[in-house]
Amino acid sequence: MKVTAINGSPRLSKGHTAQVLAPFIEGMRKAGAEVSLIYASKLKIKPCIGDFSCWYNKPGECIFQDDMQSVYQLLTDSDMLILATPVYIPLPGAMQNLINRLCPLFEPILENRNGRTRAQFHSQIKIRKILLVATCDWWESGNFGTVKRIVEEMAVNANVEFGSAILRPHSFLLDRYPEDKKKILASLEEAGYQLAKTGGIPPGTLETIAKPLISFEDYIKDMNDQYFRIETSQKPHKQQ
């Protein structure tokens, strides 16, 4: 199995997304998968200008000759695509730019599937499954809703399987709870291993990865207290 994982975090290998993605990839590799990891922010790519030359004039060919050409080649030969991203509003700019530039992968033939206009990948594209790995700072998994829908829609439009959504809310708190972190990272590795071996991830493993580290009430209090501490520290001191 060949897998391409795209990390969309601007913080590259030092971000929380990388912390979650790394053991997941390690588990896949231990199961025998060949995984290529690329960082969206390292790519020098132009934004899509939406002229649809890749659709109408030269199907499958982007007008821009930049770093996306190597990405297209990787994706052509991959069985699976993993999109890994933190939740911004909703996506980091480099990740959104890269997703927009995936248009040349789609065959310009439309069809009605369940009342929706759909397309599919060109026949030479081997991808049969797309997954999401996502992190966010907010407490609840519901904060992933928009990002998850984006990736699900991409899979449906490409006529391939949406594999799973591996979600880690309030990921910045992991280092505060080393025992929970250890279990979560182990579950991420197990998830990658099971995905590569069996094609799926047990629901219980996904639940462990997404488990709350603190209560919602404590999270809200902690975040607000942190804000007010910063606000107070930045106020100018009165002259005595």
Protein backbone atom coordinates (compact mmCIF):
# COMPACT_ATOMS: atom_id res chain seq x y z
CA MET A 1 0.00 0.00 0.00
CA LYS A 2 1.27 3.46 -0.95
CA VAL A 3 0.04 6.39 1.12
CA THR A 4 0.52 10.14 0.77
CA ALA A 5 0.02 12.18 3.94
CA ILE A 6 -0.21 15.97 3.64
CA ASN A 7 0.34 17.98 6.82
CA GLY A 8 -1.27 21.40 6.43
CA SER A 9 -0.03 22.93 9.68
CA PRO A 10 2.11 26.07 9.32
CA ARG A 11 4.09 24.80 12.31
CA LEU A 12 5.30 21.87 10.23
CA SER A 13 6.90 19.08 12.31
CA LYS A 14 6.67 21.08 15.56
CA GLY A 15 2.89 21.50 15.66
CA HIS A 16 0.22 19.53 17.47
CA THR A 17 -0.95 18.10 14.14
CA ALA A 18 2.50 16.58 13.58
CA GLN A 19 2.46 15.20 17.14
CA VAL A 20 -0.77 13.35 16.35
CA LEU A 21 0.11 12.36 12.79
CA ALA A 22 3.57 10.93 13.53
CA PRO A 23 2.50 7.82 15.54
CA PHE A 24 -0.37 7.22 13.11
CA ILE A 25 2.10 7.10 10.20
CA GLU A 26 4.49 4.97 12.27
CA GLY A 27 1.75 2.41 12.81
CA MET A 28 1.03 2.27 9.09
CA ARG A 29 4.70 1.78 8.30
CA LYS A 30 4.99 -1.02 10.86
CA ALA A 31 2.13 -2.73 9.03
CA GLY A 32 4.06 -2.51 5.77
CA ALA A 33 2.62 0.65 4.18
CA GLU A 34 4.87 2.96 2.20
CA VAL A 35 4.04 6.46 3.46
CA SER A 36 5.21 9.73 1.88
CA LEU A 37 4.83 12.80 4.10
CA ILE A 38 4.73 16.30 2.67
CA TYR A 39 4.12 19.69 4.28
CA ALA A 40 1.78 22.09 2.50
CA SER A 41 3.64 25.15 3.85
CA LYS A 42 6.94 23.97 2.35
CA LEU A 43 5.53 23.82 -1.17
CA LYS A 44 6.00 26.74 -3.51
CA ILE A 45 2.66 26.71 -5.31
CA LYS A 46 0.52 29.39 -6.86
CA PRO A 47 -3.15 29.76 -5.94
CA CYS A 48 -5.72 28.30 -8.32
CA ILE A 49 -7.12 31.04 -10.57
CA GLY A 50 -10.23 29.04 -11.50
CA ASP A 51 -9.93 29.27 -15.29
CA PHE A 52 -10.63 25.50 -15.57
CA SER A 53 -8.04 24.96 -18.26
CA CYS A 54 -7.33 21.64 -16.48
CA TRP A 55 -11.00 20.77 -17.02
CA TYR A 56 -11.88 21.99 -20.52
CA ASN A 57 -8.71 22.70 -22.51
CA LYS A 58 -6.15 20.14 -21.29
CA PRO A 59 -7.94 17.78 -18.86
CA GLY A 60 -5.67 16.72 -16.05
CA GLU A 61 -3.00 19.33 -16.73
CA CYS A 62 -2.56 22.38 -14.51
CA ILE A 63 -1.40 25.56 -16.23
CA PHE A 64 1.11 26.19 -13.45
CA GLN A 65 4.43 24.36 -13.40
CA ASP A 66 5.42 24.47 -9.75
CA ASP A 67 5.80 22.17 -6.76
CA MET A 68 2.30 20.75 -7.28
CA GLN A 69 3.65 18.70 -10.17
CA SER A 70 5.50 16.43 -7.73
CA VAL A 71 2.37 16.22 -5.57
CA TYR A 72 0.30 15.16 -8.58
CA GLN A 73 2.80 12.38 -9.30
CA LEU A 74 2.71 11.17 -5.69
CA LEU A 75 -1.08 11.12 -5.65
CA THR A 76 -1.29 9.33 -8.99
CA ASP A 77 0.67 6.43 -7.51
CA SER A 78 -0.94 6.43 -4.05
CA ASP A 79 -3.66 4.08 -2.83
CA MET A 80 -4.63 6.38 0.01
CA LEU A 81 -4.58 10.11 0.77
CA ILE A 82 -4.38 11.43 4.33
CA LEU A 83 -5.16 15.09 4.88
CA ALA A 84 -3.85 16.25 8.25
CA THR A 85 -4.68 19.74 9.48
CA PRO A 86 -5.37 21.92 12.46
CA VAL A 87 -8.74 23.67 12.49
CA TYR A 88 -8.41 27.35 11.64
CA ILE A 89 -11.31 29.22 9.98
CA PRO A 90 -11.66 26.54 8.72
CA LEU A 91 -8.28 25.58 7.15
CA PRO A 92 -4.75 27.02 7.17
CA GLY A 93 -4.13 29.03 4.01
CA ALA A 94 -1.48 26.71 2.51
CA MET A 95 -3.73 23.67 3.01
CA GLN A 96 -6.71 25.37 1.37
CA ASN A 97 -4.50 26.46 -1.51
CA LEU A 98 -3.27 22.90 -2.02
CA ILE A 99 -6.79 21.44 -1.92
CA ASN A 100 -7.92 23.97 -4.55
CA ARG A 101 -5.06 22.83 -6.77
CA LEU A 102 -6.28 19.20 -6.74
CA CYS A 103 -8.79 19.98 -9.49
CA PRO A 104 -6.61 18.44 -12.26
CA LEU A 105 -7.04 15.02 -10.60
CA PHE A 106 -10.73 15.03 -11.49
CA GLU A 107 -12.14 13.75 -14.76
CA PRO A 108 -14.30 16.45 -16.45
CA ILE A 109 -17.34 14.22 -16.82
CA LEU A 110 -20.28 14.97 -14.54
CA GLU A 111 -23.05 12.71 -13.34
CA ASN A 112 -26.06 12.74 -11.03
CA ARG A 113 -25.39 10.74 -7.88
CA ASN A 114 -28.24 10.88 -5.38
CA GLY A 115 -29.40 14.24 -6.66
CA ARG A 116 -25.97 15.89 -6.53
CA THR A 117 -23.59 16.89 -9.30
CA ARG A 118 -20.54 14.65 -8.93
CA ALA A 119 -17.33 13.78 -10.76
CA GLN A 120 -14.57 11.27 -10.10
CA PHE A 121 -10.80 10.90 -10.27
CA HIS A 122 -9.13 10.28 -13.61
CA SER A 123 -8.70 6.56 -14.24
CA GLN A 124 -4.91 6.72 -13.71
CA ILE A 125 -5.34 8.04 -10.16
CA LYS A 126 -5.03 5.04 -7.84
CA ILE A 127 -6.45 6.66 -4.68
CA ARG A 128 -9.35 4.66 -3.29
CA LYS A 129 -9.58 6.11 0.20
CA ILE A 130 -9.24 9.57 1.76
CA LEU A 131 -8.83 10.14 5.50
CA LEU A 132 -8.77 13.13 7.80
CA VAL A 133 -6.41 13.62 10.73
CA ALA A 134 -7.28 16.85 12.55
CA THR A 135 -6.43 18.74 15.70
CA CYS A 136 -7.98 21.79 17.31
CA ASP A 137 -7.59 23.88 20.46
CA TRP A 138 -11.27 23.98 21.36
CA TRP A 139 -12.67 21.40 23.75
CA GLU A 140 -15.35 19.69 21.69
CA SER A 141 -15.10 17.33 18.70
CA GLY A 142 -18.00 19.25 17.15
CA ASN A 143 -15.46 21.95 16.29
CA PHE A 144 -14.20 19.64 13.52
CA GLY A 145 -17.56 19.66 11.71
CA THR A 146 -16.69 21.99 8.82
CA VAL A 147 -13.25 20.51 8.16
CA LYS A 148 -14.67 17.00 8.25
CA ARG A 149 -17.39 17.93 5.75
CA ILE A 150 -14.78 19.37 3.38
CA VAL A 151 -12.82 16.11 3.31
CA GLU A 152 -15.95 13.95 3.15
CA GLU A 153 -17.23 15.98 0.18
CA MET A 154 -13.88 15.59 -1.56
CA ALA A 155 -14.08 11.81 -1.17
CA VAL A 156 -17.67 11.66 -2.42
CA ASN A 157 -16.88 13.93 -5.37
CA ALA A 158 -13.93 11.71 -6.28
CA ASN A 159 -16.13 8.62 -5.94
CA VAL A 160 -13.79 7.05 -3.39
CA GLU A 161 -14.24 5.96 0.24
CA PHE A 162 -14.02 8.42 3.10
CA GLY A 163 -12.02 6.23 5.44
CA SER A 164 -12.13 7.79 8.90
CA ALA A 165 -11.79 11.03 10.79
CA ILE A 166 -9.05 10.83 13.41
CA LEU A 167 -9.81 13.78 15.68
CA ARG A 168 -7.85 15.18 18.65
CA PRO A 169 -9.62 18.12 20.33
CA HIS A 170 -7.80 20.47 22.79
CA SER A 171 -4.58 18.91 21.54
CA PHE A 172 -2.45 21.63 23.16
CA LEU A 173 -3.29 20.10 26.56
CA LEU A 174 -1.69 16.73 25.80
CA ASP A 175 1.64 17.64 27.39
CA ARG A 176 -0.10 18.51 30.66
CA TYR A 177 -1.39 14.95 31.03
CA PRO A 178 1.52 12.60 30.23
CA GLU A 179 -0.29 9.37 31.12
CA ASP A 180 -3.28 10.22 28.91
CA LYS A 181 -0.91 11.41 26.19
CA LYS A 182 0.94 8.10 26.26
CA LYS A 183 -2.31 6.15 25.81
CA ILE A 184 -3.52 8.45 23.03
CA LEU A 185 -0.26 8.25 21.08
CA ALA A 186 -0.28 4.45 21.45
CA SER A 187 -3.86 4.38 20.16
CA LEU A 188 -2.83 6.53 17.19
CA GLU A 189 -0.10 4.05 16.30
CA GLU A 190 -2.56 1.17 16.67
CA ALA A 191 -5.06 3.03 14.46
CA GLY A 192 -2.45 3.39 11.70
CA TYR A 193 -1.45 -0.24 12.01
CA GLN A 194 -5.03 -1.50 11.85
CA LEU A 195 -5.85 0.77 8.92
CA ALA A 196 -2.92 -0.55 6.88
CA LYS A 197 -3.58 -4.17 7.87
CA THR A 198 -7.37 -4.38 7.74
CA GLY A 199 -8.52 -1.25 5.91
CA GLY A 200 -10.36 0.13 8.94
CA ILE A 201 -9.97 1.54 12.44
CA PRO A 202 -11.95 0.13 15.40
CA PRO A 203 -14.44 2.69 16.80
CA GLY A 204 -13.06 2.21 20.30
CA THR A 205 -9.62 3.28 19.14
CA LEU A 206 -11.03 6.46 17.60
CA GLU A 207 -12.87 7.19 20.86
CA THR A 208 -9.67 6.83 22.89
CA ILE A 209 -7.84 9.23 20.55
CA ALA A 210 -10.59 11.84 20.95
CA LYS A 211 -11.23 11.40 24.69
CA PRO A 212 -11.56 14.59 26.77
CA LEU A 213 -8.63 15.36 29.01
CA ILE A 214 -10.58 17.70 31.32
CA SER A 215 -14.21 18.67 31.78
CA PHE A 216 -15.78 21.30 29.53
CA GLU A 217 -16.32 23.56 32.56
CA ASP A 218 -12.67 23.34 33.63
CA TYR A 219 -11.52 23.97 30.07
CA ILE A 220 -13.64 27.15 29.76
CA LYS A 221 -12.42 28.42 33.13
CA ASP A 222 -8.79 27.66 32.31
CA MET A 223 -8.92 29.40 28.92
CA ASN A 224 -10.67 32.49 30.28
CA ASP A 225 -8.31 32.73 33.25
CA GLN A 226 -5.39 32.58 30.83
CA TYR A 227 -6.85 35.40 28.75
CA PHE A 228 -7.42 37.63 31.74
CA ARG A 229 -3.89 36.96 33.05
CA ILE A 230 -2.44 38.08 29.72
CA GLU A 231 -4.75 41.09 29.54
CA THR A 232 -3.79 42.18 33.05
CA SER A 233 -0.06 41.73 32.41
CA GLN A 234 -0.25 43.95 29.33
CA LYS A 235 -1.97 46.87 31.02
CA PRO A 236 0.37 49.81 31.67
CA HIS A 237 1.33 50.33 35.32
CA LYS A 238 0.19 53.54 36.98
CA GLN A 239 2.89 55.98 37.94
CA GLN A 240 3.37 56.19 41.69
